[in-house]
Amino acid sequence: MDIFGRLSDYDVFAYLPQGFFVLAAFDYFFGTTFVIHASWDIPTGVFVLFLSYAAGHLVAGPASRILEAGVVHDILKPPSVHLLLAEPKASRLLRSLLPSYFTPLSRPTQARVQGALEKAGTGLYGDDAYWVAYTVAKRDDHAKPRLENFLNVYGFCRNLSFIAAVTAELLLVQAWVAPRLDTFGSAAHEVMAAVGFALISFQLFKRYLKFYRLFSIEVFVTFATVEAGAV
């Protein structure tokens, strides 16, 4: 049975690489040898691959709950809200950190989307409008591959951002409680490594927001185009 051939693109993007990073972090903090200093034969390599896939799934859950449901949907608000606003609505600090995320669609495009929503018999807004549009867009043959690509990349960035953030926190705790002098030489250097992982996490989070926004734009634009062509 070709098990690996059955993996979807999302499996490869959002689970396997992140699982390897989790195992590498596990090696560093707990002294195992799944990835770091590993010596694999074929059975061990297959086992580590399956373990990475499982670890990727375990990480995806909290990454989705904390970053997507918590930070994005509860605090920042999802792209579907900002795309249909007349003007950007966010604090100056947030707009400076995430300038493109809060940018609405152009007024002509917004008018097309709102017209399509009215044609579909709904005047919904934000996330409610998004789900109406998504139901139509996901069935479009031209949009489907682009939606899949955006989904793959934003899942990859979201999960990896979460892993980098957790790694930064663990390094800070370790630097405070029992610094790894054999690796970093001093607690200060370990703190610097933690800061580096935090910056990597933030940059990956920005990439996640970028592709999440592009995914939502594709949904709305495809929905407006399909509805405009419907009889």
C-alpha atoms as a PDB file:
ATOM      1  CA  MET A   1       0.000   0.000   0.000  1.00  0.00           C
ATOM      2  CA  ASP A   2       1.367   3.385  -1.010  1.00  0.00           C
ATOM      3  CA  ILE A   3       0.731   5.114   2.314  1.00  0.00           C
ATOM      4  CA  PHE A   4       2.871   8.184   1.661  1.00  0.00           C
ATOM      5  CA  GLY A   5       1.322   8.648  -1.765  1.00  0.00           C
ATOM      6  CA  ARG A   6      -2.026   9.068  -0.039  1.00  0.00           C
ATOM      7  CA  LEU A   7      -0.872  12.112   1.916  1.00  0.00           C
ATOM      8  CA  SER A   8      -2.490  15.348   0.761  1.00  0.00           C
ATOM      9  CA  ASP A   9      -0.570  18.536   0.017  1.00  0.00           C
ATOM     10  CA  TYR A  10      -1.854  19.928   3.310  1.00  0.00           C
ATOM     11  CA  ASP A  11      -0.428  16.909   5.157  1.00  0.00           C
ATOM     12  CA  VAL A  12       2.975  17.613   3.621  1.00  0.00           C
ATOM     13  CA  PHE A  13       2.876  21.372   4.227  1.00  0.00           C
ATOM     14  CA  ALA A  14       1.140  21.637   7.598  1.00  0.00           C
ATOM     15  CA  TYR A  15       2.070  18.475   9.495  1.00  0.00           C
ATOM     16  CA  LEU A  16       5.270  16.715   8.415  1.00  0.00           C
ATOM     17  CA  PRO A  17       7.788  19.627   8.531  1.00  0.00           C
ATOM     18  CA  GLN A  18       6.356  20.910  11.792  1.00  0.00           C
ATOM     19  CA  GLY A  19       6.535  17.421  13.252  1.00  0.00           C
ATOM     20  CA  PHE A  20      10.245  17.237  12.431  1.00  0.00           C
ATOM     21  CA  PHE A  21      10.792  20.563  14.192  1.00  0.00           C
ATOM     22  CA  VAL A  22       8.903  19.275  17.231  1.00  0.00           C
ATOM     23  CA  LEU A  23      11.060  16.138  17.349  1.00  0.00           C
ATOM     24  CA  ALA A  24      14.226  18.230  16.958  1.00  0.00           C
ATOM     25  CA  ALA A  25      13.130  20.440  19.869  1.00  0.00           C
ATOM     26  CA  PHE A  26      12.344  17.305  21.866  1.00  0.00           C
ATOM     27  CA  ASP A  27      15.869  16.067  21.147  1.00  0.00           C
ATOM     28  CA  TYR A  28      17.367  19.324  22.370  1.00  0.00           C
ATOM     29  CA  PHE A  29      15.373  19.644  25.573  1.00  0.00           C
ATOM     30  CA  PHE A  30      15.146  15.972  26.562  1.00  0.00           C
ATOM     31  CA  GLY A  31      18.251  14.394  25.025  1.00  0.00           C
ATOM     32  CA  THR A  32      16.537  12.017  22.579  1.00  0.00           C
ATOM     33  CA  THR A  33      17.939  11.364  19.105  1.00  0.00           C
ATOM     34  CA  PHE A  34      14.945  11.369  16.769  1.00  0.00           C
ATOM     35  CA  VAL A  35      16.467  14.073  14.537  1.00  0.00           C
ATOM     36  CA  ILE A  36      19.552  15.602  16.196  1.00  0.00           C
ATOM     37  CA  HIS A  37      22.491  13.150  16.125  1.00  0.00           C
ATOM     38  CA  ALA A  38      20.124  10.562  14.649  1.00  0.00           C
ATOM     39  CA  SER A  39      21.381   7.440  12.913  1.00  0.00           C
ATOM     40  CA  TRP A  40      18.483   5.957  10.963  1.00  0.00           C
ATOM     41  CA  ASP A  41      18.030   2.663   9.217  1.00  0.00           C
ATOM     42  CA  ILE A  42      14.970   2.226   6.987  1.00  0.00           C
ATOM     43  CA  PRO A  43      12.553   0.987   9.705  1.00  0.00           C
ATOM     44  CA  THR A  44      13.642   3.760  12.081  1.00  0.00           C
ATOM     45  CA  GLY A  45      13.323   6.366   9.350  1.00  0.00           C
ATOM     46  CA  VAL A  46       9.784   5.224   8.560  1.00  0.00           C
ATOM     47  CA  PHE A  47       8.915   5.274  12.267  1.00  0.00           C
ATOM     48  CA  VAL A  48      10.286   8.822  12.670  1.00  0.00           C
ATOM     49  CA  LEU A  49       8.311   9.917   9.603  1.00  0.00           C
ATOM     50  CA  PHE A  50       5.078   8.599  11.107  1.00  0.00           C
ATOM     51  CA  LEU A  51       5.998  10.109  14.471  1.00  0.00           C
ATOM     52  CA  SER A  52       6.617  13.471  12.780  1.00  0.00           C
ATOM     53  CA  TYR A  53       3.220  13.287  11.106  1.00  0.00           C
ATOM     54  CA  ALA A  54       1.555  12.554  14.443  1.00  0.00           C
ATOM     55  CA  ALA A  55       3.496  15.335  16.181  1.00  0.00           C
ATOM     56  CA  GLY A  56       2.443  17.740  13.430  1.00  0.00           C
ATOM     57  CA  HIS A  57      -1.204  16.898  14.104  1.00  0.00           C
ATOM     58  CA  LEU A  58      -0.730  17.388  17.843  1.00  0.00           C
ATOM     59  CA  VAL A  59       0.752  20.843  17.247  1.00  0.00           C
ATOM     60  CA  ALA A  60      -1.905  21.872  14.720  1.00  0.00           C
ATOM     61  CA  GLY A  61      -4.660  21.707  17.342  1.00  0.00           C
ATOM     62  CA  PRO A  62      -3.294  24.265  19.818  1.00  0.00           C
ATOM     63  CA  ALA A  63      -1.868  26.351  16.959  1.00  0.00           C
ATOM     64  CA  SER A  64      -5.353  26.640  15.491  1.00  0.00           C
ATOM     65  CA  ARG A  65      -7.035  27.322  18.829  1.00  0.00           C
ATOM     66  CA  ILE A  66      -4.488  29.851  20.103  1.00  0.00           C
ATOM     67  CA  LEU A  67      -3.340  31.663  16.967  1.00  0.00           C
ATOM     68  CA  GLU A  68      -6.326  31.376  14.643  1.00  0.00           C
ATOM     69  CA  ALA A  69      -9.326  31.212  16.979  1.00  0.00           C
ATOM     70  CA  GLY A  70      -7.756  33.243  19.786  1.00  0.00           C
ATOM     71  CA  VAL A  71      -5.378  35.852  18.385  1.00  0.00           C
ATOM     72  CA  VAL A  72      -6.840  36.300  14.900  1.00  0.00           C
ATOM     73  CA  HIS A  73     -10.582  35.752  15.310  1.00  0.00           C
ATOM     74  CA  ASP A  74     -11.013  37.110  18.845  1.00  0.00           C
ATOM     75  CA  ILE A  75      -8.434  39.929  18.904  1.00  0.00           C
ATOM     76  CA  LEU A  76      -7.412  40.994  15.400  1.00  0.00           C
ATOM     77  CA  LYS A  77     -10.650  39.829  13.739  1.00  0.00           C
ATOM     78  CA  PRO A  78     -10.504  37.641  10.608  1.00  0.00           C
ATOM     79  CA  PRO A  79      -9.718  38.998   7.131  1.00  0.00           C
ATOM     80  CA  SER A  80     -13.373  38.608   6.124  1.00  0.00           C
ATOM     81  CA  VAL A  81     -14.228  41.440   8.531  1.00  0.00           C
ATOM     82  CA  HIS A  82     -11.509  43.875   7.442  1.00  0.00           C
ATOM     83  CA  LEU A  83     -11.871  43.246   3.707  1.00  0.00           C
ATOM     84  CA  LEU A  84     -15.420  44.595   3.625  1.00  0.00           C
ATOM     85  CA  LEU A  85     -14.881  47.675   5.805  1.00  0.00           C
ATOM     86  CA  ALA A  86     -15.014  51.167   4.281  1.00  0.00           C
ATOM     87  CA  GLU A  87     -11.829  52.177   6.145  1.00  0.00           C
ATOM     88  CA  PRO A  88      -9.199  50.263   8.142  1.00  0.00           C
ATOM     89  CA  LYS A  89     -10.245  49.820  11.783  1.00  0.00           C
ATOM     90  CA  ALA A  90      -7.304  49.005  14.020  1.00  0.00           C
ATOM     91  CA  SER A  91      -4.993  50.821  16.409  1.00  0.00           C
ATOM     92  CA  ARG A  92      -2.027  52.697  15.001  1.00  0.00           C
ATOM     93  CA  LEU A  93       0.312  50.175  16.627  1.00  0.00           C
ATOM     94  CA  LEU A  94      -1.390  47.203  14.974  1.00  0.00           C
ATOM     95  CA  ARG A  95      -1.474  48.953  11.597  1.00  0.00           C
ATOM     96  CA  SER A  96       2.243  49.679  11.885  1.00  0.00           C
ATOM     97  CA  LEU A  97       3.035  46.051  12.766  1.00  0.00           C
ATOM     98  CA  LEU A  98       0.625  44.493  10.251  1.00  0.00           C
ATOM     99  CA  PRO A  99       0.028  47.183   7.633  1.00  0.00           C
ATOM    100  CA  SER A 100      -1.510  45.098   4.850  1.00  0.00           C
ATOM    101  CA  TYR A 101      -3.683  42.882   7.027  1.00  0.00           C
ATOM    102  CA  PHE A 102      -6.185  45.633   7.870  1.00  0.00           C
ATOM    103  CA  THR A 103      -6.429  47.019   4.325  1.00  0.00           C
ATOM    104  CA  PRO A 104      -9.975  46.663   2.908  1.00  0.00           C
ATOM    105  CA  LEU A 105     -10.788  45.577  -0.610  1.00  0.00           C
ATOM    106  CA  SER A 106     -11.011  48.372  -3.162  1.00  0.00           C
ATOM    107  CA  ARG A 107     -14.417  50.060  -3.286  1.00  0.00           C
ATOM    108  CA  PRO A 108     -15.319  48.654  -6.721  1.00  0.00           C
ATOM    109  CA  THR A 109     -14.476  45.140  -5.537  1.00  0.00           C
ATOM    110  CA  GLN A 110     -16.432  45.652  -2.334  1.00  0.00           C
ATOM    111  CA  ALA A 111     -19.406  46.809  -4.402  1.00  0.00           C
ATOM    112  CA  ARG A 112     -19.184  43.635  -6.517  1.00  0.00           C
ATOM    113  CA  VAL A 113     -19.087  41.444  -3.410  1.00  0.00           C
ATOM    114  CA  GLN A 114     -21.972  43.281  -1.730  1.00  0.00           C
ATOM    115  CA  GLY A 115     -23.967  43.059  -4.963  1.00  0.00           C
ATOM    116  CA  ALA A 116     -23.328  39.321  -5.114  1.00  0.00           C
ATOM    117  CA  LEU A 117     -24.416  38.925  -1.481  1.00  0.00           C
ATOM    118  CA  GLU A 118     -27.635  40.799  -2.218  1.00  0.00           C
ATOM    119  CA  LYS A 119     -28.189  38.682  -5.322  1.00  0.00           C
ATOM    120  CA  ALA A 120     -27.745  35.577  -3.174  1.00  0.00           C
ATOM    121  CA  GLY A 121     -30.492  36.921  -0.929  1.00  0.00           C
ATOM    122  CA  THR A 122     -28.379  37.911   2.038  1.00  0.00           C
ATOM    123  CA  GLY A 123     -26.982  41.115   3.465  1.00  0.00           C
ATOM    124  CA  LEU A 124     -24.594  39.381   5.807  1.00  0.00           C
ATOM    125  CA  TYR A 125     -21.286  40.905   6.864  1.00  0.00           C
ATOM    126  CA  GLY A 126     -17.851  39.699   7.928  1.00  0.00           C
ATOM    127  CA  ASP A 127     -17.490  36.029   8.850  1.00  0.00           C
ATOM    128  CA  ASP A 128     -21.147  35.281   8.060  1.00  0.00           C
ATOM    129  CA  ALA A 129     -20.702  36.729   4.572  1.00  0.00           C
ATOM    130  CA  TYR A 130     -17.470  34.770   4.204  1.00  0.00           C
ATOM    131  CA  TRP A 131     -19.169  31.409   4.745  1.00  0.00           C
ATOM    132  CA  VAL A 132     -21.858  32.221   2.190  1.00  0.00           C
ATOM    133  CA  ALA A 133     -19.134  33.164  -0.297  1.00  0.00           C
ATOM    134  CA  TYR A 134     -16.963  30.165   0.547  1.00  0.00           C
ATOM    135  CA  THR A 135     -19.810  27.729  -0.148  1.00  0.00           C
ATOM    136  CA  VAL A 136     -19.846  29.030  -3.725  1.00  0.00           C
ATOM    137  CA  ALA A 137     -16.108  29.631  -4.237  1.00  0.00           C
ATOM    138  CA  LYS A 138     -14.966  26.162  -3.147  1.00  0.00           C
ATOM    139  CA  ARG A 139     -16.928  24.622  -6.029  1.00  0.00           C
ATOM    140  CA  ASP A 140     -15.275  26.792  -8.683  1.00  0.00           C
ATOM    141  CA  ASP A 141     -12.731  24.821 -10.715  1.00  0.00           C
ATOM    142  CA  HIS A 142     -10.547  27.856 -11.409  1.00  0.00           C
ATOM    143  CA  ALA A 143     -10.384  29.030  -7.788  1.00  0.00           C
ATOM    144  CA  LYS A 144      -9.988  25.611  -6.168  1.00  0.00           C
ATOM    145  CA  PRO A 145      -6.224  25.131  -6.835  1.00  0.00           C
ATOM    146  CA  ARG A 146      -5.447  28.688  -5.691  1.00  0.00           C
ATOM    147  CA  LEU A 147      -7.479  28.198  -2.511  1.00  0.00           C
ATOM    148  CA  GLU A 148      -5.640  24.941  -1.835  1.00  0.00           C
ATOM    149  CA  ASN A 149      -2.256  26.629  -2.317  1.00  0.00           C
ATOM    150  CA  PHE A 150      -3.128  29.485   0.044  1.00  0.00           C
ATOM    151  CA  LEU A 151      -4.488  27.009   2.598  1.00  0.00           C
ATOM    152  CA  ASN A 152      -1.316  24.905   2.439  1.00  0.00           C
ATOM    153  CA  VAL A 153       1.003  27.861   2.937  1.00  0.00           C
ATOM    154  CA  TYR A 154      -0.968  29.581   5.667  1.00  0.00           C
ATOM    155  CA  GLY A 155      -1.292  26.295   7.567  1.00  0.00           C
ATOM    156  CA  PHE A 156       2.463  25.782   7.249  1.00  0.00           C
ATOM    157  CA  CYS A 157       3.251  29.296   8.525  1.00  0.00           C
ATOM    158  CA  ARG A 158       0.688  29.217  11.342  1.00  0.00           C
ATOM    159  CA  ASN A 159       1.850  25.900  12.789  1.00  0.00           C
ATOM    160  CA  LEU A 160       5.542  26.724  12.449  1.00  0.00           C
ATOM    161  CA  SER A 161       4.995  30.139  14.043  1.00  0.00           C
ATOM    162  CA  PHE A 162       3.403  28.411  17.024  1.00  0.00           C
ATOM    163  CA  ILE A 163       6.308  25.956  17.352  1.00  0.00           C
ATOM    164  CA  ALA A 164       8.862  28.790  17.219  1.00  0.00           C
ATOM    165  CA  ALA A 165       6.935  30.718  19.887  1.00  0.00           C
ATOM    166  CA  VAL A 166       6.794  27.705  22.227  1.00  0.00           C
ATOM    167  CA  THR A 167      10.503  27.040  21.630  1.00  0.00           C
ATOM    168  CA  ALA A 168      11.301  30.652  22.549  1.00  0.00           C
ATOM    169  CA  GLU A 169       9.317  30.321  25.779  1.00  0.00           C
ATOM    170  CA  LEU A 170      11.035  27.049  26.707  1.00  0.00           C
ATOM    171  CA  LEU A 171      14.463  28.552  26.052  1.00  0.00           C
ATOM    172  CA  LEU A 172      13.630  31.506  28.301  1.00  0.00           C
ATOM    173  CA  VAL A 173      12.485  29.197  31.093  1.00  0.00           C
ATOM    174  CA  GLN A 174      15.580  27.054  30.693  1.00  0.00           C
ATOM    175  CA  ALA A 175      17.855  30.117  30.698  1.00  0.00           C
ATOM    176  CA  TRP A 176      16.243  31.219  33.962  1.00  0.00           C
ATOM    177  CA  VAL A 177      16.129  27.837  35.710  1.00  0.00           C
ATOM    178  CA  ALA A 178      19.045  25.795  34.344  1.00  0.00           C
ATOM    179  CA  PRO A 179      20.893  27.369  31.393  1.00  0.00           C
ATOM    180  CA  ARG A 180      22.558  25.057  28.892  1.00  0.00           C
ATOM    181  CA  LEU A 181      26.108  26.314  29.253  1.00  0.00           C
ATOM    182  CA  ASP A 182      27.433  23.447  27.130  1.00  0.00           C
ATOM    183  CA  THR A 183      25.447  24.745  24.137  1.00  0.00           C
ATOM    184  CA  PHE A 184      25.146  28.516  24.588  1.00  0.00           C
ATOM    185  CA  GLY A 185      28.039  29.350  26.933  1.00  0.00           C
ATOM    186  CA  SER A 186      25.911  31.616  29.124  1.00  0.00           C
ATOM    187  CA  ALA A 187      22.322  32.281  30.101  1.00  0.00           C
ATOM    188  CA  ALA A 188      22.480  35.596  28.229  1.00  0.00           C
ATOM    189  CA  HIS A 189      23.261  33.807  24.978  1.00  0.00           C
ATOM    190  CA  GLU A 190      20.367  31.432  25.556  1.00  0.00           C
ATOM    191  CA  VAL A 191      18.078  34.419  26.084  1.00  0.00           C
ATOM    192  CA  MET A 192      19.337  35.849  22.789  1.00  0.00           C
ATOM    193  CA  ALA A 193      18.483  32.544  21.097  1.00  0.00           C
ATOM    194  CA  ALA A 194      14.997  32.765  22.609  1.00  0.00           C
ATOM    195  CA  VAL A 195      14.592  36.288  21.265  1.00  0.00           C
ATOM    196  CA  GLY A 196      15.680  35.018  17.853  1.00  0.00           C
ATOM    197  CA  PHE A 197      13.025  32.301  17.900  1.00  0.00           C
ATOM    198  CA  ALA A 198      10.427  34.879  18.999  1.00  0.00           C
ATOM    199  CA  LEU A 199      11.307  37.084  16.019  1.00  0.00           C
ATOM    200  CA  ILE A 200      11.117  34.088  13.693  1.00  0.00           C
ATOM    201  CA  SER A 201       7.713  33.261  15.166  1.00  0.00           C
ATOM    202  CA  PHE A 202       6.452  36.803  14.549  1.00  0.00           C
ATOM    203  CA  GLN A 203       7.681  36.845  10.954  1.00  0.00           C
ATOM    204  CA  LEU A 204       6.018  33.491  10.293  1.00  0.00           C
ATOM    205  CA  PHE A 205       2.843  34.819  11.919  1.00  0.00           C
ATOM    206  CA  LYS A 206       2.880  37.751   9.499  1.00  0.00           C
ATOM    207  CA  ARG A 207       3.259  35.326   6.589  1.00  0.00           C
ATOM    208  CA  TYR A 208       0.356  33.308   7.963  1.00  0.00           C
ATOM    209  CA  LEU A 209      -1.808  36.450   8.048  1.00  0.00           C
ATOM    210  CA  LYS A 210      -0.764  37.356   4.513  1.00  0.00           C
ATOM    211  CA  PHE A 211      -1.845  34.036   3.020  1.00  0.00           C
ATOM    212  CA  TYR A 212      -4.953  33.810   5.204  1.00  0.00           C
ATOM    213  CA  ARG A 213      -5.956  37.220   3.818  1.00  0.00           C
ATOM    214  CA  LEU A 214      -5.201  36.136   0.232  1.00  0.00           C
ATOM    215  CA  PHE A 215      -7.330  33.034   0.796  1.00  0.00           C
ATOM    216  CA  SER A 216     -10.246  35.222   1.921  1.00  0.00           C
ATOM    217  CA  ILE A 217      -9.783  37.619  -1.011  1.00  0.00           C
ATOM    218  CA  GLU A 218      -9.906  34.686  -3.417  1.00  0.00           C
ATOM    219  CA  VAL A 219     -13.127  33.495  -1.781  1.00  0.00           C
ATOM    220  CA  PHE A 220     -14.864  36.871  -2.069  1.00  0.00           C
ATOM    221  CA  VAL A 221     -13.661  37.691  -5.592  1.00  0.00           C
ATOM    222  CA  THR A 222     -14.564  34.239  -6.904  1.00  0.00           C
ATOM    223  CA  PHE A 223     -17.980  34.469  -5.248  1.00  0.00           C
ATOM    224  CA  ALA A 224     -18.644  37.862  -6.852  1.00  0.00           C
ATOM    225  CA  THR A 225     -17.508  36.596 -10.266  1.00  0.00           C
ATOM    226  CA  VAL A 226     -19.611  33.424 -10.100  1.00  0.00           C
ATOM    227  CA  GLU A 227     -22.714  35.286  -8.944  1.00  0.00           C
ATOM    228  CA  ALA A 228     -22.260  37.924 -11.645  1.00  0.00           C
ATOM    229  CA  GLY A 229     -22.226  35.181 -14.287  1.00  0.00           C
ATOM    230  CA  ALA A 230     -25.175  33.280 -12.849  1.00  0.00           C
ATOM    231  CA  VAL A 231     -28.478  33.560 -14.665  1.00  0.00           C
END
